[in-house]
Amino acid sequence: MATAKKKDQIFKIANRSGYAMISCNHLTEGFTISQAKARMEKALARTERKKAKKKTTKKKQSKVKK
């Protein structure tokens, strides 16, 4: 999953070793910029899977009620 380029922020963490990335209400950390980006992609994919799962369970519940 690609991130929204305009909303991405990558910065060096003060008083710590590594970088952080903020995107779409997610925060990830990594020792390198590429590691922070990779972790962000995984976090966004995890969120998308949860949203898709909720939609399917709502559809199943509405069919059962009818």
Protein backbone atom coordinates (compact mmCIF):
# COMPACT_ATOMS: atom_id res chain seq x y z
CA MET A 1 0.00 0.00 0.00
CA ALA A 2 1.34 3.40 -0.93
CA THR A 3 1.27 6.28 1.52
CA ALA A 4 -0.23 9.70 0.89
CA LYS A 5 2.89 11.64 -0.12
CA LYS A 6 1.60 15.09 0.89
CA LYS A 7 0.81 14.04 4.45
CA ASP A 8 3.99 12.05 5.16
CA GLN A 9 6.48 13.46 7.65
CA ILE A 10 9.86 11.87 8.33
CA PHE A 11 12.11 13.31 11.00
CA LYS A 12 15.09 12.48 13.18
CA ILE A 13 13.99 11.63 16.71
CA ALA A 14 15.55 13.95 19.29
CA ASN A 15 17.38 12.25 22.18
CA ARG A 16 17.09 8.86 20.45
CA SER A 17 18.79 7.01 17.65
CA GLY A 18 16.64 6.62 14.58
CA TYR A 19 13.89 8.18 12.54
CA ALA A 20 10.12 8.45 12.85
CA MET A 21 7.41 8.70 10.22
CA ILE A 22 3.90 10.07 10.61
CA SER A 23 1.23 9.36 8.00
CA CYS A 24 -2.56 8.93 8.10
CA ASN A 25 -2.72 9.02 11.92
CA HIS A 26 0.00 6.36 12.23
CA LEU A 27 3.42 6.73 13.85
CA THR A 28 6.30 4.35 13.15
CA GLU A 29 9.96 4.34 14.14
CA GLY A 30 13.04 2.81 12.58
CA PHE A 31 16.82 2.99 12.72
CA THR A 32 16.91 4.24 9.12
CA ILE A 33 14.52 6.23 6.95
CA SER A 34 13.85 3.21 4.74
CA GLN A 35 13.05 1.04 7.76
CA ALA A 36 10.57 3.64 9.06
CA LYS A 37 8.92 3.73 5.61
CA ALA A 38 8.70 -0.07 5.42
CA ARG A 39 7.13 -0.24 8.86
CA MET A 40 4.63 2.45 7.85
CA GLU A 41 3.57 0.47 4.80
CA LYS A 42 2.94 -2.56 7.01
CA ALA A 43 0.96 -0.49 9.51
CA LEU A 44 -1.23 1.01 6.78
CA ALA A 45 -1.82 -2.41 5.23
CA ARG A 46 -2.82 -3.77 8.65
CA THR A 47 -5.36 -0.96 9.06
CA GLU A 48 -6.80 -1.60 5.60
CA ARG A 49 -7.21 -5.31 6.40
CA LYS A 50 -9.06 -4.45 9.61
CA LYS A 51 -11.40 -2.09 7.73
CA ALA A 52 -12.12 -4.74 5.11
CA LYS A 53 -12.79 -7.34 7.79
CA LYS A 54 -15.25 -5.04 9.58
CA LYS A 55 -17.16 -4.44 6.34
CA THR A 56 -17.52 -8.16 5.66
CA THR A 57 -18.67 -8.93 9.21
CA LYS A 58 -21.27 -6.13 9.06
CA LYS A 59 -22.62 -7.53 5.79
CA LYS A 60 -22.84 -11.04 7.29
CA GLN A 61 -24.61 -9.74 10.40
CA SER A 62 -27.17 -7.80 8.36
CA LYS A 63 -27.96 -10.90 6.30
CA VAL A 64 -28.44 -12.99 9.44
CA LYS A 65 -30.83 -10.46 11.00
CA LYS A 66 -33.10 -10.42 7.92
